[in-house]
Amino acid sequence: MLVNGCECSIVIKTEHREFSVPYSQETIREAYSLLQEEAAIEGDGICRALRKSNGVTGCVVTPLSIETAPLLLYLAMGAAGLPVFVSETRNVYQYQLNLLPMEDTECFDLIQNRSGNNEQWQESNGQGTGIFANNKERRLFEGCRVKGFELRFEWEQPVRLKLDVYGGNSPVILSYKEIPETPLCQTSEMARGNEIFKDDNIFYKINGREYNNIYGTTIITKKEGGTKTEIWIKRFSDREKDIPEIIEEMIITASLLRDRYEERHFGKFRITIKRLVLISDETSIKSSGAVIGPLRYYVAGGGSAEVFTTNEQVTMNNEQ
């Protein structure tokens, strides 16, 4: 997950909701194509080209939190069933999310704001200008879809989701001259007040059996023209409890450590993957200690996610 982006503000806008993604790295930009004109037989021999706008490309990387996980996982997967009320709770709803190709998913909008670092904002504010020093623009990308995603569970790291974004419309420039209520360069500080899923409470169950020797997984899905999913499983090798080459079902459950959530539902999400086939074993056997290494699996079956929220607006359209 190498992203040469910058700290910024990304706002996701759907038909029913609009919210800022806390501390995101991104490379969202306008895509270009070249209309090339070949050099004439007689002349200077120089090839010329015209630059043409070709929509939107790039990615957004963000940690999953209790507030953002339901909608972000929905955008990644593509489809959601009707909300189901969880019994013995006050207002907790369950959603079943299913994986769909990019062409069959709903569109959403992105609002991008690159505002410089905190020092630049303070200097600008100290002069009483009321604007950011190096950037006075917001960009609106309409009609975006997720063409692929990467969900990563890493050792001693937050659970992160990378969304590869595609759109056919050129961005719209939105100017502003007022300071936002919260400086957008402080989105990393905003994330501290939002409960983020971390690796210290991730549980893995393979073929109905719980495994404690897994220290990280990465789910990589491509959604253009169909779905193709691979999963990398990093584990400590254990002869008595090693991972099989063919997995009928793998369940990854992430939950928050706090116990104040009703029936442990609200602070939780669950990923279920069916029919995994081992395609390569990258384990290094030259280690003097415990043998560690990743296993690469191809997902021949389907994938789904189960999320819980306190409202009924995960989907773009509640009638879906």
C-alpha atoms as a PDB file:
ATOM      1  CA  MET A   1       0.000   0.000   0.000  1.00  0.00           C
ATOM      2  CA  LEU A   2       2.525   2.613  -1.197  1.00  0.00           C
ATOM      3  CA  VAL A   3       0.764   5.933  -1.815  1.00  0.00           C
ATOM      4  CA  ASN A   4       2.614   9.116  -2.749  1.00  0.00           C
ATOM      5  CA  GLY A   5      -0.176  11.389  -1.544  1.00  0.00           C
ATOM      6  CA  CYS A   6      -0.551  14.122   1.041  1.00  0.00           C
ATOM      7  CA  GLU A   7      -2.519  14.811   4.178  1.00  0.00           C
ATOM      8  CA  CYS A   8      -5.731  16.485   3.173  1.00  0.00           C
ATOM      9  CA  SER A   9      -9.481  16.467   3.604  1.00  0.00           C
ATOM     10  CA  ILE A  10     -11.684  14.116   1.616  1.00  0.00           C
ATOM     11  CA  VAL A  11     -15.458  14.402   1.897  1.00  0.00           C
ATOM     12  CA  ILE A  12     -17.619  11.583   0.530  1.00  0.00           C
ATOM     13  CA  LYS A  13     -21.047  12.672  -0.651  1.00  0.00           C
ATOM     14  CA  THR A  14     -23.876  10.242  -1.331  1.00  0.00           C
ATOM     15  CA  GLU A  15     -27.571  10.748  -1.946  1.00  0.00           C
ATOM     16  CA  HIS A  16     -28.358  10.713   1.778  1.00  0.00           C
ATOM     17  CA  ARG A  17     -25.076  11.441   3.572  1.00  0.00           C
ATOM     18  CA  GLU A  18     -22.043  13.708   3.439  1.00  0.00           C
ATOM     19  CA  PHE A  19     -19.145  13.183   5.830  1.00  0.00           C
ATOM     20  CA  SER A  20     -15.432  13.843   6.085  1.00  0.00           C
ATOM     21  CA  VAL A  21     -13.093  10.850   6.089  1.00  0.00           C
ATOM     22  CA  PRO A  22     -10.700  11.290   9.049  1.00  0.00           C
ATOM     23  CA  TYR A  23      -6.991  11.522   8.214  1.00  0.00           C
ATOM     24  CA  SER A  24      -6.846  10.341   4.632  1.00  0.00           C
ATOM     25  CA  GLN A  25      -3.929  10.063   2.256  1.00  0.00           C
ATOM     26  CA  GLU A  26      -4.931  10.393  -1.353  1.00  0.00           C
ATOM     27  CA  THR A  27      -3.749  10.730  -4.937  1.00  0.00           C
ATOM     28  CA  ILE A  28      -7.085  11.765  -6.446  1.00  0.00           C
ATOM     29  CA  ARG A  29      -6.373  13.730  -9.611  1.00  0.00           C
ATOM     30  CA  GLU A  30      -7.691  14.489 -13.054  1.00  0.00           C
ATOM     31  CA  ALA A  31      -6.798  11.819 -15.601  1.00  0.00           C
ATOM     32  CA  TYR A  32      -5.498  12.842 -19.022  1.00  0.00           C
ATOM     33  CA  SER A  33      -5.066  11.176 -22.376  1.00  0.00           C
ATOM     34  CA  LEU A  34      -3.065  12.413 -25.368  1.00  0.00           C
ATOM     35  CA  LEU A  35      -4.355  12.813 -28.898  1.00  0.00           C
ATOM     36  CA  GLN A  36      -1.113  12.322 -30.788  1.00  0.00           C
ATOM     37  CA  GLU A  37      -0.393  13.898 -34.151  1.00  0.00           C
ATOM     38  CA  GLU A  38       2.356  12.200 -36.102  1.00  0.00           C
ATOM     39  CA  ALA A  39       5.106  14.282 -37.646  1.00  0.00           C
ATOM     40  CA  ALA A  40       4.786  15.214 -41.294  1.00  0.00           C
ATOM     41  CA  ILE A  41       7.011  13.468 -43.828  1.00  0.00           C
ATOM     42  CA  GLU A  42       8.453  16.836 -44.782  1.00  0.00           C
ATOM     43  CA  GLY A  43       9.061  19.273 -41.945  1.00  0.00           C
ATOM     44  CA  ASP A  44      10.719  19.484 -38.559  1.00  0.00           C
ATOM     45  CA  GLY A  45       9.925  15.846 -37.650  1.00  0.00           C
ATOM     46  CA  ILE A  46       8.317  16.793 -34.330  1.00  0.00           C
ATOM     47  CA  CYS A  47       5.339  14.814 -33.043  1.00  0.00           C
ATOM     48  CA  ARG A  48       2.648  16.902 -31.385  1.00  0.00           C
ATOM     49  CA  ALA A  49      -0.168  15.980 -29.040  1.00  0.00           C
ATOM     50  CA  LEU A  50      -3.248  17.528 -27.523  1.00  0.00           C
ATOM     51  CA  ARG A  51      -4.041  16.894 -23.872  1.00  0.00           C
ATOM     52  CA  LYS A  52      -7.597  15.711 -23.263  1.00  0.00           C
ATOM     53  CA  SER A  53      -9.353  15.318 -19.930  1.00  0.00           C
ATOM     54  CA  ASN A  54     -10.216  11.695 -19.284  1.00  0.00           C
ATOM     55  CA  GLY A  55     -12.081  11.787 -15.981  1.00  0.00           C
ATOM     56  CA  VAL A  56     -10.729  10.999 -12.523  1.00  0.00           C
ATOM     57  CA  THR A  57      -8.175   8.513 -11.229  1.00  0.00           C
ATOM     58  CA  GLY A  58      -6.256   7.866  -8.011  1.00  0.00           C
ATOM     59  CA  CYS A  59      -6.929   6.382  -4.592  1.00  0.00           C
ATOM     60  CA  VAL A  60      -7.950   7.246  -1.048  1.00  0.00           C
ATOM     61  CA  VAL A  61      -6.399   5.554   2.004  1.00  0.00           C
ATOM     62  CA  THR A  62      -8.079   5.853   5.390  1.00  0.00           C
ATOM     63  CA  PRO A  63      -8.270   3.925   8.670  1.00  0.00           C
ATOM     64  CA  LEU A  64     -11.627   2.351   9.428  1.00  0.00           C
ATOM     65  CA  SER A  65     -13.450   3.783  12.420  1.00  0.00           C
ATOM     66  CA  ILE A  66     -16.737   3.016  14.118  1.00  0.00           C
ATOM     67  CA  GLU A  67     -18.371   5.894  12.222  1.00  0.00           C
ATOM     68  CA  THR A  68     -16.882   5.413   8.740  1.00  0.00           C
ATOM     69  CA  ALA A  69     -16.584   1.619   8.435  1.00  0.00           C
ATOM     70  CA  PRO A  70     -20.216   0.865   7.427  1.00  0.00           C
ATOM     71  CA  LEU A  71     -20.364   3.309   4.513  1.00  0.00           C
ATOM     72  CA  LEU A  72     -16.751   2.850   3.345  1.00  0.00           C
ATOM     73  CA  LEU A  73     -17.112  -0.945   3.285  1.00  0.00           C
ATOM     74  CA  TYR A  74     -20.371  -0.514   1.379  1.00  0.00           C
ATOM     75  CA  LEU A  75     -18.614   1.625  -1.249  1.00  0.00           C
ATOM     76  CA  ALA A  76     -15.859  -1.003  -1.489  1.00  0.00           C
ATOM     77  CA  MET A  77     -18.172  -4.026  -1.766  1.00  0.00           C
ATOM     78  CA  GLY A  78     -20.882  -2.450  -3.909  1.00  0.00           C
ATOM     79  CA  ALA A  79     -24.229  -3.842  -2.712  1.00  0.00           C
ATOM     80  CA  ALA A  80     -26.195  -3.958   0.521  1.00  0.00           C
ATOM     81  CA  GLY A  81     -29.370  -5.685   1.550  1.00  0.00           C
ATOM     82  CA  LEU A  82     -32.149  -4.111   3.572  1.00  0.00           C
ATOM     83  CA  PRO A  83     -31.275  -3.187   7.169  1.00  0.00           C
ATOM     84  CA  VAL A  84     -32.210  -5.753   9.798  1.00  0.00           C
ATOM     85  CA  PHE A  85     -32.970  -4.535  13.311  1.00  0.00           C
ATOM     86  CA  VAL A  86     -30.869  -6.316  15.938  1.00  0.00           C
ATOM     87  CA  SER A  87     -33.125  -7.649  18.678  1.00  0.00           C
ATOM     88  CA  GLU A  88     -32.520  -6.694  22.317  1.00  0.00           C
ATOM     89  CA  THR A  89     -30.932  -3.399  21.260  1.00  0.00           C
ATOM     90  CA  ARG A  90     -32.325   0.116  21.066  1.00  0.00           C
ATOM     91  CA  ASN A  91     -31.391   1.251  17.541  1.00  0.00           C
ATOM     92  CA  VAL A  92     -28.714  -1.065  16.101  1.00  0.00           C
ATOM     93  CA  TYR A  93     -29.139  -2.281  12.507  1.00  0.00           C
ATOM     94  CA  GLN A  94     -27.284  -5.007  10.646  1.00  0.00           C
ATOM     95  CA  TYR A  95     -26.325  -4.843   6.957  1.00  0.00           C
ATOM     96  CA  GLN A  96     -25.122  -7.657   4.718  1.00  0.00           C
ATOM     97  CA  LEU A  97     -22.765  -6.268   2.052  1.00  0.00           C
ATOM     98  CA  ASN A  98     -22.044  -8.240  -1.126  1.00  0.00           C
ATOM     99  CA  LEU A  99     -19.251  -7.876  -3.674  1.00  0.00           C
ATOM    100  CA  LEU A 100     -20.270  -6.527  -7.101  1.00  0.00           C
ATOM    101  CA  PRO A 101     -18.336  -5.470 -10.231  1.00  0.00           C
ATOM    102  CA  MET A 102     -17.677  -1.751 -10.585  1.00  0.00           C
ATOM    103  CA  GLU A 103     -20.153  -1.343 -13.451  1.00  0.00           C
ATOM    104  CA  ASP A 104     -23.065  -2.534 -11.262  1.00  0.00           C
ATOM    105  CA  THR A 105     -22.403  -0.215  -8.301  1.00  0.00           C
ATOM    106  CA  GLU A 106     -23.872   3.192  -7.469  1.00  0.00           C
ATOM    107  CA  CYS A 107     -22.005   6.468  -7.991  1.00  0.00           C
ATOM    108  CA  PHE A 108     -20.833   8.867  -5.298  1.00  0.00           C
ATOM    109  CA  ASP A 109     -19.086  12.244  -5.186  1.00  0.00           C
ATOM    110  CA  LEU A 110     -15.741  13.252  -3.666  1.00  0.00           C
ATOM    111  CA  ILE A 111     -14.830  16.719  -2.428  1.00  0.00           C
ATOM    112  CA  GLN A 112     -11.067  17.206  -2.199  1.00  0.00           C
ATOM    113  CA  ASN A 113      -9.357  19.958  -0.233  1.00  0.00           C
ATOM    114  CA  ARG A 114      -5.583  20.268  -0.071  1.00  0.00           C
ATOM    115  CA  SER A 115      -4.850  23.065   2.350  1.00  0.00           C
ATOM    116  CA  GLY A 116      -1.164  22.952   3.217  1.00  0.00           C
ATOM    117  CA  ASN A 117       0.285  22.180   6.619  1.00  0.00           C
ATOM    118  CA  ASN A 118      -0.699  23.581   9.995  1.00  0.00           C
ATOM    119  CA  GLU A 119       2.148  26.157  10.090  1.00  0.00           C
ATOM    120  CA  GLN A 120       1.001  27.653   6.789  1.00  0.00           C
ATOM    121  CA  TRP A 121      -2.548  27.891   8.102  1.00  0.00           C
ATOM    122  CA  GLN A 122      -1.393  29.609  11.311  1.00  0.00           C
ATOM    123  CA  GLU A 123       0.722  32.124   9.400  1.00  0.00           C
ATOM    124  CA  SER A 124      -2.184  32.920   7.119  1.00  0.00           C
ATOM    125  CA  ASN A 125      -4.588  33.230  10.068  1.00  0.00           C
ATOM    126  CA  GLY A 126      -2.119  35.401  12.011  1.00  0.00           C
ATOM    127  CA  GLN A 127      -2.055  37.913   9.175  1.00  0.00           C
ATOM    128  CA  GLY A 128      -5.831  38.107   9.300  1.00  0.00           C
ATOM    129  CA  THR A 129      -6.231  37.054   5.692  1.00  0.00           C
ATOM    130  CA  GLY A 130      -8.952  34.507   6.503  1.00  0.00           C
ATOM    131  CA  ILE A 131      -7.715  32.085   3.799  1.00  0.00           C
ATOM    132  CA  PHE A 132      -5.114  29.373   3.467  1.00  0.00           C
ATOM    133  CA  ALA A 133      -1.700  30.458   2.220  1.00  0.00           C
ATOM    134  CA  ASN A 134      -1.086  28.028  -0.602  1.00  0.00           C
ATOM    135  CA  ASN A 135      -4.455  26.745  -1.782  1.00  0.00           C
ATOM    136  CA  LYS A 136      -7.811  28.474  -2.133  1.00  0.00           C
ATOM    137  CA  GLU A 137      -9.666  25.754  -4.013  1.00  0.00           C
ATOM    138  CA  ARG A 138     -11.852  22.758  -3.437  1.00  0.00           C
ATOM    139  CA  ARG A 139     -12.341  20.174  -6.150  1.00  0.00           C
ATOM    140  CA  LEU A 140     -15.581  18.286  -6.682  1.00  0.00           C
ATOM    141  CA  PHE A 141     -15.343  14.913  -8.443  1.00  0.00           C
ATOM    142  CA  GLU A 142     -18.815  13.752  -9.455  1.00  0.00           C
ATOM    143  CA  GLY A 143     -19.960  10.308 -10.522  1.00  0.00           C
ATOM    144  CA  CYS A 144     -17.127   8.296  -8.944  1.00  0.00           C
ATOM    145  CA  ARG A 145     -17.022   4.523  -8.505  1.00  0.00           C
ATOM    146  CA  VAL A 146     -14.642   2.122  -6.751  1.00  0.00           C
ATOM    147  CA  LYS A 147     -12.725   0.042  -9.316  1.00  0.00           C
ATOM    148  CA  GLY A 148     -10.752  -1.864  -6.690  1.00  0.00           C
ATOM    149  CA  PHE A 149      -9.878  -1.860  -3.028  1.00  0.00           C
ATOM    150  CA  GLU A 150      -7.311  -3.151  -0.557  1.00  0.00           C
ATOM    151  CA  LEU A 151      -8.229  -3.974   3.028  1.00  0.00           C
ATOM    152  CA  ARG A 152      -5.213  -4.445   5.253  1.00  0.00           C
ATOM    153  CA  PHE A 153      -4.918  -5.824   8.793  1.00  0.00           C
ATOM    154  CA  GLU A 154      -1.344  -5.161   9.928  1.00  0.00           C
ATOM    155  CA  TRP A 155       0.630  -5.865  13.075  1.00  0.00           C
ATOM    156  CA  GLU A 156       0.357  -2.961  15.558  1.00  0.00           C
ATOM    157  CA  GLN A 157      -1.396  -0.784  12.972  1.00  0.00           C
ATOM    158  CA  PRO A 158      -4.954   0.502  12.437  1.00  0.00           C
ATOM    159  CA  VAL A 159      -7.150  -1.378   9.984  1.00  0.00           C
ATOM    160  CA  ARG A 160      -6.773   0.541   6.720  1.00  0.00           C
ATOM    161  CA  LEU A 161      -8.859   0.610   3.564  1.00  0.00           C
ATOM    162  CA  LYS A 162      -7.559   1.801   0.217  1.00  0.00           C
ATOM    163  CA  LEU A 163     -10.185   2.697  -2.401  1.00  0.00           C
ATOM    164  CA  ASP A 164      -9.095   2.918  -6.049  1.00  0.00           C
ATOM    165  CA  VAL A 165     -11.420   5.521  -7.530  1.00  0.00           C
ATOM    166  CA  TYR A 166     -12.559   5.926 -11.118  1.00  0.00           C
ATOM    167  CA  GLY A 167     -14.788   8.576 -12.679  1.00  0.00           C
ATOM    168  CA  GLY A 168     -15.582   9.786 -16.186  1.00  0.00           C
ATOM    169  CA  ASN A 169     -16.275  13.442 -15.322  1.00  0.00           C
ATOM    170  CA  SER A 170     -13.724  16.228 -15.084  1.00  0.00           C
ATOM    171  CA  PRO A 171     -13.422  17.915 -11.648  1.00  0.00           C
ATOM    172  CA  VAL A 172     -15.284  21.107 -10.835  1.00  0.00           C
ATOM    173  CA  ILE A 173     -13.325  23.838  -9.044  1.00  0.00           C
ATOM    174  CA  LEU A 174     -15.111  25.304  -6.011  1.00  0.00           C
ATOM    175  CA  SER A 175     -13.578  28.480  -4.595  1.00  0.00           C
ATOM    176  CA  TYR A 176     -14.030  29.625  -0.998  1.00  0.00           C
ATOM    177  CA  LYS A 177     -12.774  32.533   1.098  1.00  0.00           C
ATOM    178  CA  GLU A 178     -13.729  31.544   4.609  1.00  0.00           C
ATOM    179  CA  ILE A 179     -11.813  29.479   7.155  1.00  0.00           C
ATOM    180  CA  PRO A 180     -13.523  26.132   7.783  1.00  0.00           C
ATOM    181  CA  GLU A 181     -14.864  25.503  11.271  1.00  0.00           C
ATOM    182  CA  THR A 182     -12.050  22.965  11.796  1.00  0.00           C
ATOM    183  CA  PRO A 183      -8.804  23.460   9.810  1.00  0.00           C
ATOM    184  CA  LEU A 184      -8.746  20.643   7.287  1.00  0.00           C
ATOM    185  CA  CYS A 185      -5.032  20.099   7.857  1.00  0.00           C
ATOM    186  CA  GLN A 186      -5.907  18.811  11.346  1.00  0.00           C
ATOM    187  CA  THR A 187      -7.852  15.787  10.154  1.00  0.00           C
ATOM    188  CA  SER A 188      -5.302  13.482  11.804  1.00  0.00           C
ATOM    189  CA  GLU A 189      -6.196  15.040  15.151  1.00  0.00           C
ATOM    190  CA  MET A 190      -9.901  14.561  14.411  1.00  0.00           C
ATOM    191  CA  ALA A 191      -9.266  10.842  13.998  1.00  0.00           C
ATOM    192  CA  ARG A 192      -8.018  10.586  17.583  1.00  0.00           C
ATOM    193  CA  GLY A 193     -11.491  11.322  18.881  1.00  0.00           C
ATOM    194  CA  ASN A 194     -13.027   8.708  16.585  1.00  0.00           C
ATOM    195  CA  GLU A 195     -12.688   5.085  17.644  1.00  0.00           C
ATOM    196  CA  ILE A 196     -10.524   3.277  15.089  1.00  0.00           C
ATOM    197  CA  PHE A 197     -10.321  -0.487  14.561  1.00  0.00           C
ATOM    198  CA  LYS A 198      -6.842  -1.814  15.338  1.00  0.00           C
ATOM    199  CA  ASP A 199      -5.006  -5.102  15.105  1.00  0.00           C
ATOM    200  CA  ASP A 200      -5.216  -5.862  18.837  1.00  0.00           C
ATOM    201  CA  ASN A 201      -8.767  -7.177  18.555  1.00  0.00           C
ATOM    202  CA  ILE A 202      -8.868  -9.068  15.233  1.00  0.00           C
ATOM    203  CA  PHE A 203     -10.056 -12.688  15.198  1.00  0.00           C
ATOM    204  CA  TYR A 204      -9.536 -15.245  12.413  1.00  0.00           C
ATOM    205  CA  LYS A 205     -11.629 -18.354  11.911  1.00  0.00           C
ATOM    206  CA  ILE A 206     -10.820 -20.833   9.113  1.00  0.00           C
ATOM    207  CA  ASN A 207     -13.160 -23.727   8.349  1.00  0.00           C
ATOM    208  CA  GLY A 208     -14.824 -23.210  11.718  1.00  0.00           C
ATOM    209  CA  ARG A 209     -11.537 -23.267  13.656  1.00  0.00           C
ATOM    210  CA  GLU A 210      -9.970 -20.242  15.315  1.00  0.00           C
ATOM    211  CA  TYR A 211      -6.323 -19.485  14.474  1.00  0.00           C
ATOM    212  CA  ASN A 212      -4.043 -17.488  16.770  1.00  0.00           C
ATOM    213  CA  ASN A 213      -0.865 -17.669  14.665  1.00  0.00           C
ATOM    214  CA  ILE A 214      -2.008 -15.139  12.030  1.00  0.00           C
ATOM    215  CA  TYR A 215      -0.427 -11.704  12.462  1.00  0.00           C
ATOM    216  CA  GLY A 216      -1.722  -9.949   9.347  1.00  0.00           C
ATOM    217  CA  THR A 217      -3.882 -10.255   6.244  1.00  0.00           C
ATOM    218  CA  THR A 218      -4.390  -8.228   3.079  1.00  0.00           C
ATOM    219  CA  ILE A 219      -7.455  -8.523   0.847  1.00  0.00           C
ATOM    220  CA  ILE A 220      -6.940  -7.193  -2.695  1.00  0.00           C
ATOM    221  CA  THR A 221      -9.929  -6.921  -5.042  1.00  0.00           C
ATOM    222  CA  LYS A 222     -10.178  -5.701  -8.641  1.00  0.00           C
ATOM    223  CA  LYS A 223     -13.685  -4.850  -9.843  1.00  0.00           C
ATOM    224  CA  GLU A 224     -13.380  -3.755 -13.495  1.00  0.00           C
ATOM    225  CA  GLY A 225     -15.305  -6.053 -15.837  1.00  0.00           C
ATOM    226  CA  GLY A 226     -15.920  -8.536 -13.019  1.00  0.00           C
ATOM    227  CA  THR A 227     -14.394  -9.262  -9.640  1.00  0.00           C
ATOM    228  CA  LYS A 228     -11.017 -10.833  -8.900  1.00  0.00           C
ATOM    229  CA  THR A 229      -9.900 -11.210  -5.285  1.00  0.00           C
ATOM    230  CA  GLU A 230      -6.676 -12.394  -3.686  1.00  0.00           C
ATOM    231  CA  ILE A 231      -5.783 -12.592  -0.015  1.00  0.00           C
ATOM    232  CA  TRP A 232      -2.351 -12.668   1.590  1.00  0.00           C
ATOM    233  CA  ILE A 233      -2.227 -14.371   4.979  1.00  0.00           C
ATOM    234  CA  LYS A 234       0.838 -13.739   7.145  1.00  0.00           C
ATOM    235  CA  ARG A 235       1.310 -16.334   9.849  1.00  0.00           C
ATOM    236  CA  PHE A 236       3.753 -18.017  12.162  1.00  0.00           C
ATOM    237  CA  SER A 237       4.183 -21.569  10.883  1.00  0.00           C
ATOM    238  CA  ASP A 238       2.715 -24.152  13.240  1.00  0.00           C
ATOM    239  CA  ARG A 239       2.778 -27.798  12.193  1.00  0.00           C
ATOM    240  CA  GLU A 240      -0.074 -28.691  14.502  1.00  0.00           C
ATOM    241  CA  LYS A 241      -2.202 -25.766  13.396  1.00  0.00           C
ATOM    242  CA  ASP A 242      -0.970 -24.778   9.948  1.00  0.00           C
ATOM    243  CA  ILE A 243      -3.368 -23.215   7.457  1.00  0.00           C
ATOM    244  CA  PRO A 244      -4.758 -25.657   4.835  1.00  0.00           C
ATOM    245  CA  GLU A 245      -4.166 -25.227   1.105  1.00  0.00           C
ATOM    246  CA  ILE A 246      -7.896 -25.133   0.360  1.00  0.00           C
ATOM    247  CA  ILE A 247     -10.116 -23.069   2.634  1.00  0.00           C
ATOM    248  CA  GLU A 248     -13.874 -23.419   2.365  1.00  0.00           C
ATOM    249  CA  GLU A 249     -14.631 -20.407   4.545  1.00  0.00           C
ATOM    250  CA  MET A 250     -12.557 -17.726   6.241  1.00  0.00           C
ATOM    251  CA  ILE A 251     -14.102 -15.209   8.663  1.00  0.00           C
ATOM    252  CA  ILE A 252     -12.256 -12.090   9.851  1.00  0.00           C
ATOM    253  CA  THR A 253     -13.880 -10.240  12.735  1.00  0.00           C
ATOM    254  CA  ALA A 254     -12.752  -6.790  13.890  1.00  0.00           C
ATOM    255  CA  SER A 255     -14.190  -5.271  17.058  1.00  0.00           C
ATOM    256  CA  LEU A 256     -13.433  -2.504  19.502  1.00  0.00           C
ATOM    257  CA  LEU A 257     -12.054  -3.243  22.952  1.00  0.00           C
ATOM    258  CA  ARG A 258     -14.606  -1.206  24.832  1.00  0.00           C
ATOM    259  CA  ASP A 259     -17.564  -3.070  26.288  1.00  0.00           C
ATOM    260  CA  ARG A 260     -20.151  -0.333  26.245  1.00  0.00           C
ATOM    261  CA  TYR A 261     -21.669  -1.417  22.918  1.00  0.00           C
ATOM    262  CA  GLU A 262     -24.857  -3.419  23.028  1.00  0.00           C
ATOM    263  CA  GLU A 263     -24.240  -7.125  22.586  1.00  0.00           C
ATOM    264  CA  ARG A 264     -20.811  -6.275  21.081  1.00  0.00           C
ATOM    265  CA  HIS A 265     -22.542  -5.505  17.756  1.00  0.00           C
ATOM    266  CA  PHE A 266     -22.185  -1.780  17.116  1.00  0.00           C
ATOM    267  CA  GLY A 267     -18.383  -1.722  17.479  1.00  0.00           C
ATOM    268  CA  LYS A 268     -17.815  -4.611  15.083  1.00  0.00           C
ATOM    269  CA  PHE A 269     -17.588  -5.639  11.431  1.00  0.00           C
ATOM    270  CA  ARG A 270     -17.039  -9.062   9.898  1.00  0.00           C
ATOM    271  CA  ILE A 271     -15.564 -10.165   6.533  1.00  0.00           C
ATOM    272  CA  THR A 272     -16.499 -13.604   5.137  1.00  0.00           C
ATOM    273  CA  ILE A 273     -14.644 -15.146   2.192  1.00  0.00           C
ATOM    274  CA  LYS A 274     -15.606 -18.421   0.530  1.00  0.00           C
ATOM    275  CA  ARG A 275     -13.489 -21.023  -1.284  1.00  0.00           C
ATOM    276  CA  LEU A 276      -9.829 -19.965  -1.072  1.00  0.00           C
ATOM    277  CA  VAL A 277      -7.201 -21.842  -3.089  1.00  0.00           C
ATOM    278  CA  LEU A 278      -3.478 -21.562  -2.308  1.00  0.00           C
ATOM    279  CA  ILE A 279      -1.468 -20.316  -5.298  1.00  0.00           C
ATOM    280  CA  SER A 280       1.923 -19.586  -3.690  1.00  0.00           C
ATOM    281  CA  ASP A 281       3.784 -19.974  -0.407  1.00  0.00           C
ATOM    282  CA  GLU A 282       6.323 -17.202   0.263  1.00  0.00           C
ATOM    283  CA  THR A 283       7.502 -18.630   3.586  1.00  0.00           C
ATOM    284  CA  SER A 284      11.231 -18.309   4.280  1.00  0.00           C
ATOM    285  CA  ILE A 285      12.603 -21.570   5.725  1.00  0.00           C
ATOM    286  CA  LYS A 286      16.045 -20.064   6.424  1.00  0.00           C
ATOM    287  CA  SER A 287      14.856 -18.414   9.623  1.00  0.00           C
ATOM    288  CA  SER A 288      16.774 -19.486  12.732  1.00  0.00           C
ATOM    289  CA  GLY A 289      13.723 -18.927  14.945  1.00  0.00           C
ATOM    290  CA  ALA A 290      10.031 -19.313  14.243  1.00  0.00           C
ATOM    291  CA  VAL A 291       9.204 -19.841  10.579  1.00  0.00           C
ATOM    292  CA  ILE A 292       7.107 -16.915   9.368  1.00  0.00           C
ATOM    293  CA  GLY A 293       5.822 -15.885   5.989  1.00  0.00           C
ATOM    294  CA  PRO A 294       2.822 -15.027   3.826  1.00  0.00           C
ATOM    295  CA  LEU A 295       0.516 -17.395   1.984  1.00  0.00           C
ATOM    296  CA  ARG A 296      -1.135 -16.155  -1.200  1.00  0.00           C
ATOM    297  CA  TYR A 297      -4.662 -17.389  -1.906  1.00  0.00           C
ATOM    298  CA  TYR A 298      -7.007 -16.910  -4.852  1.00  0.00           C
ATOM    299  CA  VAL A 299     -10.660 -16.465  -3.928  1.00  0.00           C
ATOM    300  CA  ALA A 300     -12.686 -18.797  -6.133  1.00  0.00           C
ATOM    301  CA  GLY A 301     -15.940 -18.190  -4.260  1.00  0.00           C
ATOM    302  CA  GLY A 302     -17.652 -15.022  -3.095  1.00  0.00           C
ATOM    303  CA  GLY A 303     -17.003 -12.378  -0.511  1.00  0.00           C
ATOM    304  CA  SER A 304     -19.300 -10.478   1.825  1.00  0.00           C
ATOM    305  CA  ALA A 305     -19.172  -8.153   4.818  1.00  0.00           C
ATOM    306  CA  GLU A 306     -21.402  -7.700   7.834  1.00  0.00           C
ATOM    307  CA  VAL A 307     -21.585  -4.254   9.431  1.00  0.00           C
ATOM    308  CA  PHE A 308     -23.608  -2.695  12.236  1.00  0.00           C
ATOM    309  CA  THR A 309     -24.767   0.894  12.494  1.00  0.00           C
ATOM    310  CA  THR A 310     -27.198   3.027  14.474  1.00  0.00           C
ATOM    311  CA  ASN A 311     -29.026   4.401  11.425  1.00  0.00           C
ATOM    312  CA  GLU A 312     -30.580   3.149   8.203  1.00  0.00           C
ATOM    313  CA  GLN A 313     -28.541   5.206   5.744  1.00  0.00           C
ATOM    314  CA  VAL A 314     -25.631   2.973   4.804  1.00  0.00           C
ATOM    315  CA  THR A 315     -26.885   2.555   1.240  1.00  0.00           C
ATOM    316  CA  MET A 316     -27.333   5.254  -1.357  1.00  0.00           C
ATOM    317  CA  ASN A 317     -31.027   4.514  -1.511  1.00  0.00           C
ATOM    318  CA  ASN A 318     -32.973   3.068   1.391  1.00  0.00           C
ATOM    319  CA  GLU A 319     -35.334   1.358  -1.030  1.00  0.00           C
ATOM    320  CA  GLN A 320     -32.464  -0.735  -2.405  1.00  0.00           C
END
